[in-house]
Amino acid sequence: MQKIRKGDKVVVLTGKDKGRTGEVVQVMPKEDRAIVRGVNVVKRHQRQTQSQEAGIISKEASIHLSNIAIADPKDGKPTRVGFKIEGDKKVRVAKRSGVSIDG
């Protein structure tokens, strides 16, 4: 089970976007990277195609998983993730407050 998943609210720990929060759009476990909405935005030159016009577009680049942390559901501050067995399910738990991250 992964500690960071699509749809999670995360806080950026290092880099040019330090302190910013956003939602995980995509996780790439093989590369240990994730794409976070509104974070690590880069400009790319786009060649014209049948469906897209030419120009400079802004899009989110991936960020390494070590540079982001789950936002605590209680106060929104960065927290580490632990696992706990509740009934017959394994759920993610915020180490900071002990609150379950999975709904």
PDB file of N, CA and C in Angstrom:
ATOM      1  N   MET A   1       0.842  -1.192   0.000  1.00  0.00           N
ATOM      2  CA  MET A   1       0.000   0.000   0.000  1.00  0.00           C
ATOM      3  C   MET A   1       0.885   1.253   0.000  1.00  0.00           C
ATOM      4  N   GLN A   2       0.506   2.208  -0.847  1.00  0.00           N
ATOM      5  CA  GLN A   2       1.308   3.423  -0.976  1.00  0.00           C
ATOM      6  C   GLN A   2       0.948   4.453   0.087  1.00  0.00           C
ATOM      7  N   LYS A   3       1.936   5.250   0.478  1.00  0.00           N
ATOM      8  CA  LYS A   3       1.691   6.286   1.481  1.00  0.00           C
ATOM      9  C   LYS A   3       1.024   7.505   0.857  1.00  0.00           C
ATOM     10  N   ILE A   4       1.374   7.821  -0.386  1.00  0.00           N
ATOM     11  CA  ILE A   4       0.763   8.959  -1.082  1.00  0.00           C
ATOM     12  C   ILE A   4       0.005   8.425  -2.285  1.00  0.00           C
ATOM     13  N   ARG A   5      -1.258   8.827  -2.405  1.00  0.00           N
ATOM     14  CA  ARG A   5      -2.118   8.350  -3.487  1.00  0.00           C
ATOM     15  C   ARG A   5      -2.767   9.508  -4.220  1.00  0.00           C
ATOM     16  N   LYS A   6      -3.321   9.212  -5.372  1.00  0.00           N
ATOM     17  CA  LYS A   6      -4.052  10.194  -6.168  1.00  0.00           C
ATOM     18  C   LYS A   6      -5.212  10.757  -5.339  1.00  0.00           C
ATOM     19  N   GLY A   7      -5.378  12.077  -5.359  1.00  0.00           N
ATOM     20  CA  GLY A   7      -6.460  12.722  -4.625  1.00  0.00           C
ATOM     21  C   GLY A   7      -6.083  13.212  -3.239  1.00  0.00           C
ATOM     22  N   ASP A   8      -4.887  12.862  -2.756  1.00  0.00           N
ATOM     23  CA  ASP A   8      -4.445  13.297  -1.428  1.00  0.00           C
ATOM     24  C   ASP A   8      -4.063  14.775  -1.436  1.00  0.00           C
ATOM     25  N   LYS A   9      -4.284  15.443  -0.306  1.00  0.00           N
ATOM     26  CA  LYS A   9      -3.805  16.813  -0.110  1.00  0.00           C
ATOM     27  C   LYS A   9      -2.390  16.703   0.434  1.00  0.00           C
ATOM     28  N   VAL A  10      -1.437  17.357  -0.237  1.00  0.00           N
ATOM     29  CA  VAL A  10      -0.039  17.275   0.181  1.00  0.00           C
ATOM     30  C   VAL A  10       0.559  18.669   0.349  1.00  0.00           C
ATOM     31  N   VAL A  11       1.660  18.729   1.122  1.00  0.00           N
ATOM     32  CA  VAL A  11       2.415  19.961   1.349  1.00  0.00           C
ATOM     33  C   VAL A  11       3.805  19.745   0.774  1.00  0.00           C
ATOM     34  N   VAL A  12       4.320  20.750   0.044  1.00  0.00           N
ATOM     35  CA  VAL A  12       5.669  20.671  -0.521  1.00  0.00           C
ATOM     36  C   VAL A  12       6.672  21.058   0.559  1.00  0.00           C
ATOM     37  N   LEU A  13       7.687  20.210   0.767  1.00  0.00           N
ATOM     38  CA  LEU A  13       8.657  20.406   1.840  1.00  0.00           C
ATOM     39  C   LEU A  13       9.886  21.196   1.402  1.00  0.00           C
ATOM     40  N   THR A  14      10.320  21.013   0.148  1.00  0.00           N
ATOM     41  CA  THR A  14      11.534  21.686  -0.331  1.00  0.00           C
ATOM     42  C   THR A  14      11.342  22.176  -1.748  1.00  0.00           C
ATOM     43  N   GLY A  15      12.259  23.024  -2.188  1.00  0.00           N
ATOM     44  CA  GLY A  15      12.237  23.504  -3.566  1.00  0.00           C
ATOM     45  C   GLY A  15      11.587  24.865  -3.697  1.00  0.00           C
ATOM     46  N   LYS A  16      11.370  25.275  -4.951  1.00  0.00           N
ATOM     47  CA  LYS A  16      10.849  26.623  -5.218  1.00  0.00           C
ATOM     48  C   LYS A  16       9.412  26.810  -4.741  1.00  0.00           C
ATOM     49  N   ASP A  17       8.667  25.711  -4.574  1.00  0.00           N
ATOM     50  CA  ASP A  17       7.276  25.786  -4.139  1.00  0.00           C
ATOM     51  C   ASP A  17       7.103  25.379  -2.675  1.00  0.00           C
ATOM     52  N   LYS A  18       8.158  25.509  -1.875  1.00  0.00           N
ATOM     53  CA  LYS A  18       8.133  25.095  -0.468  1.00  0.00           C
ATOM     54  C   LYS A  18       6.970  25.753   0.273  1.00  0.00           C
ATOM     55  N   GLY A  19       6.213  24.935   1.014  1.00  0.00           N
ATOM     56  CA  GLY A  19       5.093  25.442   1.790  1.00  0.00           C
ATOM     57  C   GLY A  19       3.763  25.429   1.063  1.00  0.00           C
ATOM     58  N   ARG A  20       3.789  25.270  -0.272  1.00  0.00           N
ATOM     59  CA  ARG A  20       2.543  25.267  -1.044  1.00  0.00           C
ATOM     60  C   ARG A  20       1.823  23.936  -0.850  1.00  0.00           C
ATOM     61  N   THR A  21       0.503  23.974  -0.940  1.00  0.00           N
ATOM     62  CA  THR A  21      -0.284  22.756  -0.845  1.00  0.00           C
ATOM     63  C   THR A  21      -1.022  22.537  -2.142  1.00  0.00           C
ATOM     64  N   GLY A  22      -1.359  21.290  -2.397  1.00  0.00           N
ATOM     65  CA  GLY A  22      -2.095  20.953  -3.607  1.00  0.00           C
ATOM     66  C   GLY A  22      -2.578  19.516  -3.561  1.00  0.00           C
ATOM     67  N   GLU A  23      -3.340  19.158  -4.576  1.00  0.00           N
ATOM     68  CA  GLU A  23      -3.904  17.811  -4.668  1.00  0.00           C
ATOM     69  C   GLU A  23      -3.073  16.978  -5.633  1.00  0.00           C
ATOM     70  N   VAL A  24      -2.817  15.737  -5.278  1.00  0.00           N
ATOM     71  CA  VAL A  24      -2.054  14.838  -6.139  1.00  0.00           C
ATOM     72  C   VAL A  24      -2.931  14.432  -7.317  1.00  0.00           C
ATOM     73  N   VAL A  25      -2.428  14.699  -8.535  1.00  0.00           N
ATOM     74  CA  VAL A  25      -3.156  14.377  -9.758  1.00  0.00           C
ATOM     75  C   VAL A  25      -2.769  12.989 -10.253  1.00  0.00           C
ATOM     76  N   GLN A  26      -1.476  12.672 -10.137  1.00  0.00           N
ATOM     77  CA  GLN A  26      -0.970  11.398 -10.650  1.00  0.00           C
ATOM     78  C   GLN A  26       0.233  10.969  -9.814  1.00  0.00           C
ATOM     79  N   VAL A  27       0.348   9.664  -9.563  1.00  0.00           N
ATOM     80  CA  VAL A  27       1.503   9.115  -8.850  1.00  0.00           C
ATOM     81  C   VAL A  27       2.201   8.122  -9.769  1.00  0.00           C
ATOM     82  N   MET A  28       3.539   8.236  -9.828  1.00  0.00           N
ATOM     83  CA  MET A  28       4.336   7.320 -10.641  1.00  0.00           C
ATOM     84  C   MET A  28       5.254   6.532  -9.706  1.00  0.00           C
ATOM     85  N   PRO A  29       4.765   5.383  -9.182  1.00  0.00           N
ATOM     86  CA  PRO A  29       5.531   4.656  -8.163  1.00  0.00           C
ATOM     87  C   PRO A  29       6.881   4.132  -8.647  1.00  0.00           C
ATOM     88  N   LYS A  30       6.987   3.760  -9.918  1.00  0.00           N
ATOM     89  CA  LYS A  30       8.260   3.218 -10.420  1.00  0.00           C
ATOM     90  C   LYS A  30       9.351   4.271 -10.420  1.00  0.00           C
ATOM     91  N   GLU A  31       8.969   5.534 -10.669  1.00  0.00           N
ATOM     92  CA  GLU A  31       9.952   6.628 -10.674  1.00  0.00           C
ATOM     93  C   GLU A  31      10.011   7.361  -9.336  1.00  0.00           C
ATOM     94  N   ASP A  32       9.160   6.978  -8.372  1.00  0.00           N
ATOM     95  CA  ASP A  32       9.058   7.661  -7.071  1.00  0.00           C
ATOM     96  C   ASP A  32       8.726   9.135  -7.238  1.00  0.00           C
ATOM     97  N   ARG A  33       7.783   9.445  -8.130  1.00  0.00           N
ATOM     98  CA  ARG A  33       7.420  10.830  -8.396  1.00  0.00           C
ATOM     99  C   ARG A  33       5.906  10.997  -8.404  1.00  0.00           C
ATOM    100  N   ALA A  34       5.469  12.251  -8.250  1.00  0.00           N
ATOM    101  CA  ALA A  34       4.037  12.554  -8.290  1.00  0.00           C
ATOM    102  C   ALA A  34       3.838  13.908  -8.958  1.00  0.00           C
ATOM    103  N   ILE A  35       2.660  14.102  -9.553  1.00  0.00           N
ATOM    104  CA  ILE A  35       2.293  15.391 -10.125  1.00  0.00           C
ATOM    105  C   ILE A  35       1.246  15.997  -9.201  1.00  0.00           C
ATOM    106  N   VAL A  36       1.521  17.233  -8.738  1.00  0.00           N
ATOM    107  CA  VAL A  36       0.636  17.923  -7.801  1.00  0.00           C
ATOM    108  C   VAL A  36       0.049  19.143  -8.503  1.00  0.00           C
ATOM    109  N   ARG A  37      -1.272  19.306  -8.390  1.00  0.00           N
ATOM    110  CA  ARG A  37      -1.963  20.414  -9.061  1.00  0.00           C
ATOM    111  C   ARG A  37      -1.469  21.763  -8.541  1.00  0.00           C
ATOM    112  N   GLY A  38      -1.007  22.631  -9.468  1.00  0.00           N
ATOM    113  CA  GLY A  38      -0.574  23.985  -9.124  1.00  0.00           C
ATOM    114  C   GLY A  38       0.822  24.097  -8.550  1.00  0.00           C
ATOM    115  N   VAL A  39       1.573  23.003  -8.515  1.00  0.00           N
ATOM    116  CA  VAL A  39       2.916  23.002  -7.938  1.00  0.00           C
ATOM    117  C   VAL A  39       3.920  22.575  -9.001  1.00  0.00           C
ATOM    118  N   ASN A  40       5.113  23.189  -8.978  1.00  0.00           N
ATOM    119  CA  ASN A  40       6.188  22.891  -9.933  1.00  0.00           C
ATOM    120  C   ASN A  40       5.721  23.106 -11.368  1.00  0.00           C
ATOM    121  N   VAL A  41       5.126  24.282 -11.620  1.00  0.00           N
ATOM    122  CA  VAL A  41       4.607  24.619 -12.948  1.00  0.00           C
ATOM    123  C   VAL A  41       5.762  25.076 -13.829  1.00  0.00           C
ATOM    124  N   VAL A  42       5.865  24.467 -15.009  1.00  0.00           N
ATOM    125  CA  VAL A  42       6.908  24.814 -15.962  1.00  0.00           C
ATOM    126  C   VAL A  42       6.262  25.236 -17.280  1.00  0.00           C
ATOM    127  N   LYS A  43       7.006  26.021 -18.072  1.00  0.00           N
ATOM    128  CA  LYS A  43       6.501  26.460 -19.375  1.00  0.00           C
ATOM    129  C   LYS A  43       7.130  25.583 -20.446  1.00  0.00           C
ATOM    130  N   ARG A  44       6.322  25.128 -21.377  1.00  0.00           N
ATOM    131  CA  ARG A  44       6.794  24.275 -22.455  1.00  0.00           C
ATOM    132  C   ARG A  44       6.362  24.857 -23.794  1.00  0.00           C
ATOM    133  N   HIS A  45       7.267  24.806 -24.756  1.00  0.00           N
ATOM    134  CA  HIS A  45       6.930  25.252 -26.106  1.00  0.00           C
ATOM    135  C   HIS A  45       6.223  24.104 -26.814  1.00  0.00           C
ATOM    136  N   GLN A  46       5.061  24.408 -27.380  1.00  0.00           N
ATOM    137  CA  GLN A  46       4.209  23.380 -27.982  1.00  0.00           C
ATOM    138  C   GLN A  46       4.167  23.581 -29.486  1.00  0.00           C
ATOM    139  N   ARG A  47       4.482  22.535 -30.219  1.00  0.00           N
ATOM    140  CA  ARG A  47       4.354  22.593 -31.674  1.00  0.00           C
ATOM    141  C   ARG A  47       2.887  22.416 -32.038  1.00  0.00           C
ATOM    142  N   GLN A  48       2.481  23.030 -33.145  1.00  0.00           N
ATOM    143  CA  GLN A  48       1.083  22.942 -33.556  1.00  0.00           C
ATOM    144  C   GLN A  48       0.759  21.542 -34.083  1.00  0.00           C
ATOM    145  N   THR A  49      -0.388  21.021 -33.663  1.00  0.00           N
ATOM    146  CA  THR A  49      -0.899  19.754 -34.178  1.00  0.00           C
ATOM    147  C   THR A  49      -2.325  19.993 -34.658  1.00  0.00           C
ATOM    148  N   GLN A  50      -2.974  18.942 -35.117  1.00  0.00           N
ATOM    149  CA  GLN A  50      -4.349  19.090 -35.584  1.00  0.00           C
ATOM    150  C   GLN A  50      -5.284  19.509 -34.457  1.00  0.00           C
ATOM    151  N   SER A  51      -5.025  19.009 -33.269  1.00  0.00           N
ATOM    152  CA  SER A  51      -5.931  19.298 -32.155  1.00  0.00           C
ATOM    153  C   SER A  51      -5.474  20.478 -31.296  1.00  0.00           C
ATOM    154  N   GLN A  52      -4.168  20.799 -31.297  1.00  0.00           N
ATOM    155  CA  GLN A  52      -3.653  21.860 -30.428  1.00  0.00           C
ATOM    156  C   GLN A  52      -2.973  22.950 -31.234  1.00  0.00           C
ATOM    157  N   GLU A  53      -3.082  24.178 -30.708  1.00  0.00           N
ATOM    158  CA  GLU A  53      -2.431  25.307 -31.347  1.00  0.00           C
ATOM    159  C   GLU A  53      -1.007  25.444 -30.814  1.00  0.00           C
ATOM    160  N   ALA A  54      -0.152  26.100 -31.593  1.00  0.00           N
ATOM    161  CA  ALA A  54       1.225  26.315 -31.166  1.00  0.00           C
ATOM    162  C   ALA A  54       1.284  27.407 -30.113  1.00  0.00           C
ATOM    163  N   GLY A  55       2.332  27.385 -29.303  1.00  0.00           N
ATOM    164  CA  GLY A  55       2.514  28.420 -28.295  1.00  0.00           C
ATOM    165  C   GLY A  55       3.217  27.887 -27.074  1.00  0.00           C
ATOM    166  N   ILE A  56       3.297  28.736 -26.051  1.00  0.00           N
ATOM    167  CA  ILE A  56       3.941  28.347 -24.801  1.00  0.00           C
ATOM    168  C   ILE A  56       2.845  27.990 -23.809  1.00  0.00           C
ATOM    169  N   ILE A  57       2.879  26.754 -23.326  1.00  0.00           N
ATOM    170  CA  ILE A  57       1.858  26.304 -22.374  1.00  0.00           C
ATOM    171  C   ILE A  57       2.497  26.058 -21.013  1.00  0.00           C
ATOM    172  N   SER A  58       1.715  26.267 -19.956  1.00  0.00           N
ATOM    173  CA  SER A  58       2.180  25.986 -18.600  1.00  0.00           C
ATOM    174  C   SER A  58       1.571  24.674 -18.151  1.00  0.00           C
ATOM    175  N   LYS A  59       2.411  23.793 -17.598  1.00  0.00           N
ATOM    176  CA  LYS A  59       1.886  22.534 -17.068  1.00  0.00           C
ATOM    177  C   LYS A  59       2.712  22.112 -15.871  1.00  0.00           C
ATOM    178  N   GLU A  60       2.120  21.230 -15.059  1.00  0.00           N
ATOM    179  CA  GLU A  60       2.796  20.772 -13.854  1.00  0.00           C
ATOM    180  C   GLU A  60       3.817  19.696 -14.198  1.00  0.00           C
ATOM    181  N   ALA A  61       5.017  19.843 -13.673  1.00  0.00           N
ATOM    182  CA  ALA A  61       6.037  18.810 -13.810  1.00  0.00           C
ATOM    183  C   ALA A  61       5.990  17.947 -12.559  1.00  0.00           C
ATOM    184  N   SER A  62       6.557  16.747 -12.656  1.00  0.00           N
ATOM    185  CA  SER A  62       6.526  15.840 -11.509  1.00  0.00           C
ATOM    186  C   SER A  62       7.489  16.315 -10.428  1.00  0.00           C
ATOM    187  N   ILE A  63       7.216  15.883  -9.201  1.00  0.00           N
ATOM    188  CA  ILE A  63       8.036  16.224  -8.045  1.00  0.00           C
ATOM    189  C   ILE A  63       8.335  14.919  -7.296  1.00  0.00           C
ATOM    190  N   HIS A  64       9.531  14.808  -6.736  1.00  0.00           N
ATOM    191  CA  HIS A  64       9.925  13.571  -6.070  1.00  0.00           C
ATOM    192  C   HIS A  64       9.112  13.381  -4.787  1.00  0.00           C
ATOM    193  N   LEU A  65       8.751  12.123  -4.511  1.00  0.00           N
ATOM    194  CA  LEU A  65       7.913  11.822  -3.346  1.00  0.00           C
ATOM    195  C   LEU A  65       8.561  12.220  -2.026  1.00  0.00           C
ATOM    196  N   SER A  66       9.892  12.266  -1.977  1.00  0.00           N
ATOM    197  CA  SER A  66      10.570  12.649  -0.735  1.00  0.00           C
ATOM    198  C   SER A  66      10.401  14.137  -0.434  1.00  0.00           C
ATOM    199  N   ASN A  67       9.988  14.912  -1.429  1.00  0.00           N
ATOM    200  CA  ASN A  67       9.849  16.360  -1.251  1.00  0.00           C
ATOM    201  C   ASN A  67       8.422  16.796  -0.941  1.00  0.00           C
ATOM    202  N   ILE A  68       7.507  15.838  -0.790  1.00  0.00           N
ATOM    203  CA  ILE A  68       6.138  16.172  -0.416  1.00  0.00           C
ATOM    204  C   ILE A  68       5.717  15.325   0.774  1.00  0.00           C
ATOM    205  N   ALA A  69       4.764  15.854   1.546  1.00  0.00           N
ATOM    206  CA  ALA A  69       4.242  15.126   2.708  1.00  0.00           C
ATOM    207  C   ALA A  69       2.741  15.320   2.745  1.00  0.00           C
ATOM    208  N   ILE A  70       2.048  14.314   3.254  1.00  0.00           N
ATOM    209  CA  ILE A  70       0.589  14.392   3.411  1.00  0.00           C
ATOM    210  C   ILE A  70       0.250  15.531   4.367  1.00  0.00           C
ATOM    211  N   ALA A  71      -0.807  16.293   4.037  1.00  0.00           N
ATOM    212  CA  ALA A  71      -1.292  17.330   4.944  1.00  0.00           C
ATOM    213  C   ALA A  71      -2.187  16.672   5.992  1.00  0.00           C
ATOM    214  N   ASP A  72      -1.929  16.968   7.253  1.00  0.00           N
ATOM    215  CA  ASP A  72      -2.712  16.402   8.350  1.00  0.00           C
ATOM    216  C   ASP A  72      -4.181  16.821   8.204  1.00  0.00           C
ATOM    217  N   PRO A  73      -5.118  15.863   8.278  1.00  0.00           N
ATOM    218  CA  PRO A  73      -6.543  16.216   8.129  1.00  0.00           C
ATOM    219  C   PRO A  73      -7.042  17.199   9.191  1.00  0.00           C
ATOM    220  N   LYS A  74      -6.403  17.241  10.372  1.00  0.00           N
ATOM    221  CA  LYS A  74      -6.836  18.145  11.445  1.00  0.00           C
ATOM    222  C   LYS A  74      -6.408  19.586  11.211  1.00  0.00           C
ATOM    223  N   ASP A  75      -5.090  19.805  10.975  1.00  0.00           N
ATOM    224  CA  ASP A  75      -4.602  21.189  10.892  1.00  0.00           C
ATOM    225  C   ASP A  75      -3.908  21.557   9.580  1.00  0.00           C
ATOM    226  N   GLY A  76      -3.772  20.617   8.650  1.00  0.00           N
ATOM    227  CA  GLY A  76      -3.188  20.939   7.339  1.00  0.00           C
ATOM    228  C   GLY A  76      -1.675  21.025   7.319  1.00  0.00           C
ATOM    229  N   LYS A  77      -1.024  20.722   8.437  1.00  0.00           N
ATOM    230  CA  LYS A  77       0.436  20.750   8.470  1.00  0.00           C
ATOM    231  C   LYS A  77       0.988  19.412   7.989  1.00  0.00           C
ATOM    232  N   PRO A  78       2.246  19.392   7.504  1.00  0.00           N
ATOM    233  CA  PRO A  78       2.808  18.141   6.990  1.00  0.00           C
ATOM    234  C   PRO A  78       2.936  17.074   8.075  1.00  0.00           C
ATOM    235  N   THR A  79       2.659  15.837   7.699  1.00  0.00           N
ATOM    236  CA  THR A  79       2.758  14.729   8.644  1.00  0.00           C
ATOM    237  C   THR A  79       3.285  13.492   7.938  1.00  0.00           C
ATOM    238  N   ARG A  80       3.843  12.592   8.735  1.00  0.00           N
ATOM    239  CA  ARG A  80       4.253  11.299   8.200  1.00  0.00           C
ATOM    240  C   ARG A  80       3.052  10.369   8.222  1.00  0.00           C
ATOM    241  N   VAL A  81       3.170   9.261   7.511  1.00  0.00           N
ATOM    242  CA  VAL A  81       2.044   8.333   7.380  1.00  0.00           C
ATOM    243  C   VAL A  81       2.395   7.009   8.030  1.00  0.00           C
ATOM    244  N   GLY A  82       1.466   6.509   8.835  1.00  0.00           N
ATOM    245  CA  GLY A  82       1.598   5.188   9.429  1.00  0.00           C
ATOM    246  C   GLY A  82       0.431   4.333   8.985  1.00  0.00           C
ATOM    247  N   PHE A  83       0.467   3.065   9.298  1.00  0.00           N
ATOM    248  CA  PHE A  83      -0.606   2.149   8.923  1.00  0.00           C
ATOM    249  C   PHE A  83      -1.179   1.490  10.167  1.00  0.00           C
ATOM    250  N   LYS A  84      -2.487   1.258  10.137  1.00  0.00           N
ATOM    251  CA  LYS A  84      -3.169   0.624  11.263  1.00  0.00           C
ATOM    252  C   LYS A  84      -4.213  -0.321  10.689  1.00  0.00           C
ATOM    253  N   ILE A  85      -4.409  -1.455  11.346  1.00  0.00           N
ATOM    254  CA  ILE A  85      -5.437  -2.404  10.917  1.00  0.00           C
ATOM    255  C   ILE A  85      -6.714  -2.091  11.694  1.00  0.00           C
ATOM    256  N   GLU A  86      -7.757  -1.704  10.983  1.00  0.00           N
ATOM    257  CA  GLU A  86      -9.064  -1.447  11.598  1.00  0.00           C
ATOM    258  C   GLU A  86     -10.039  -2.480  11.062  1.00  0.00           C
ATOM    259  N   GLY A  87     -10.436  -3.393  11.909  1.00  0.00           N
ATOM    260  CA  GLY A  87     -11.293  -4.492  11.458  1.00  0.00           C
ATOM    261  C   GLY A  87     -10.488  -5.415  10.568  1.00  0.00           C
ATOM    262  N   ASP A  88     -10.900  -5.499   9.311  1.00  0.00           N
ATOM    263  CA  ASP A  88     -10.146  -6.327   8.351  1.00  0.00           C
ATOM    264  C   ASP A  88      -9.472  -5.461   7.290  1.00  0.00           C
ATOM    265  N   LYS A  89      -9.456  -4.126   7.492  1.00  0.00           N
ATOM    266  CA  LYS A  89      -8.859  -3.219   6.515  1.00  0.00           C
ATOM    267  C   LYS A  89      -7.605  -2.559   7.070  1.00  0.00           C
ATOM    268  N   LYS A  90      -6.646  -2.330   6.178  1.00  0.00           N
ATOM    269  CA  LYS A  90      -5.424  -1.609   6.531  1.00  0.00           C
ATOM    270  C   LYS A  90      -5.638  -0.155   6.099  1.00  0.00           C
ATOM    271  N   VAL A  91      -5.572   0.774   7.046  1.00  0.00           N
ATOM    272  CA  VAL A  91      -5.824   2.182   6.736  1.00  0.00           C
ATOM    273  C   VAL A  91      -4.598   3.033   7.048  1.00  0.00           C
ATOM    274  N   ARG A  92      -4.487   4.157   6.338  1.00  0.00           N
ATOM    275  CA  ARG A  92      -3.393   5.088   6.569  1.00  0.00           C
ATOM    276  C   ARG A  92      -3.774   6.030   7.716  1.00  0.00           C
ATOM    277  N   VAL A  93      -2.796   6.314   8.572  1.00  0.00           N
ATOM    278  CA  VAL A  93      -3.033   7.150   9.743  1.00  0.00           C
ATOM    279  C   VAL A  93      -1.965   8.241   9.784  1.00  0.00           C
ATOM    280  N   ALA A  94      -2.386   9.484  10.112  1.00  0.00           N
ATOM    281  CA  ALA A  94      -1.448  10.593  10.265  1.00  0.00           C
ATOM    282  C   ALA A  94      -0.691  10.418  11.579  1.00  0.00           C
ATOM    283  N   LYS A  95       0.637  10.412  11.524  1.00  0.00           N
ATOM    284  CA  LYS A  95       1.464  10.233  12.721  1.00  0.00           C
ATOM    285  C   LYS A  95       1.335  11.429  13.661  1.00  0.00           C
ATOM    286  N   ARG A  96       1.075  12.606  13.106  1.00  0.00           N
ATOM    287  CA  ARG A  96       1.013  13.843  13.887  1.00  0.00           C
ATOM    288  C   ARG A  96      -0.174  13.862  14.851  1.00  0.00           C
ATOM    289  N   SER A  97      -1.379  13.502  14.318  1.00  0.00           N
ATOM    290  CA  SER A  97      -2.586  13.606  15.134  1.00  0.00           C
ATOM    291  C   SER A  97      -3.252  12.260  15.419  1.00  0.00           C
ATOM    292  N   GLY A  98      -2.843  11.223  14.693  1.00  0.00           N
ATOM    293  CA  GLY A  98      -3.450   9.905  14.884  1.00  0.00           C
ATOM    294  C   GLY A  98      -4.766   9.727  14.149  1.00  0.00           C
ATOM    295  N   VAL A  99      -5.160  10.724  13.334  1.00  0.00           N
ATOM    296  CA  VAL A  99      -6.423  10.664  12.601  1.00  0.00           C
ATOM    297  C   VAL A  99      -6.249   9.823  11.344  1.00  0.00           C
ATOM    298  N   SER A 100      -7.279   9.058  10.982  1.00  0.00           N
ATOM    299  CA  SER A 100      -7.249   8.252   9.759  1.00  0.00           C
ATOM    300  C   SER A 100      -7.308   9.155   8.534  1.00  0.00           C
ATOM    301  N   ILE A 101      -6.456   8.884   7.534  1.00  0.00           N
ATOM    302  CA  ILE A 101      -6.415   9.676   6.305  1.00  0.00           C
ATOM    303  C   ILE A 101      -7.471   9.164   5.324  1.00  0.00           C
ATOM    304  N   ASP A 102      -7.703   7.855   5.307  1.00  0.00           N
ATOM    305  CA  ASP A 102      -8.678   7.261   4.388  1.00  0.00           C
ATOM    306  C   ASP A 102     -10.083   7.430   4.955  1.00  0.00           C
ATOM    307  N   GLY A 103     -10.808   8.420   4.374  1.00  0.00           N
ATOM    308  CA  GLY A 103     -12.200   8.697   4.699  1.00  0.00           C
ATOM    309  C   GLY A 103     -12.738   8.202   5.914  1.00  0.00           C
TER     310      GLY A 103
END
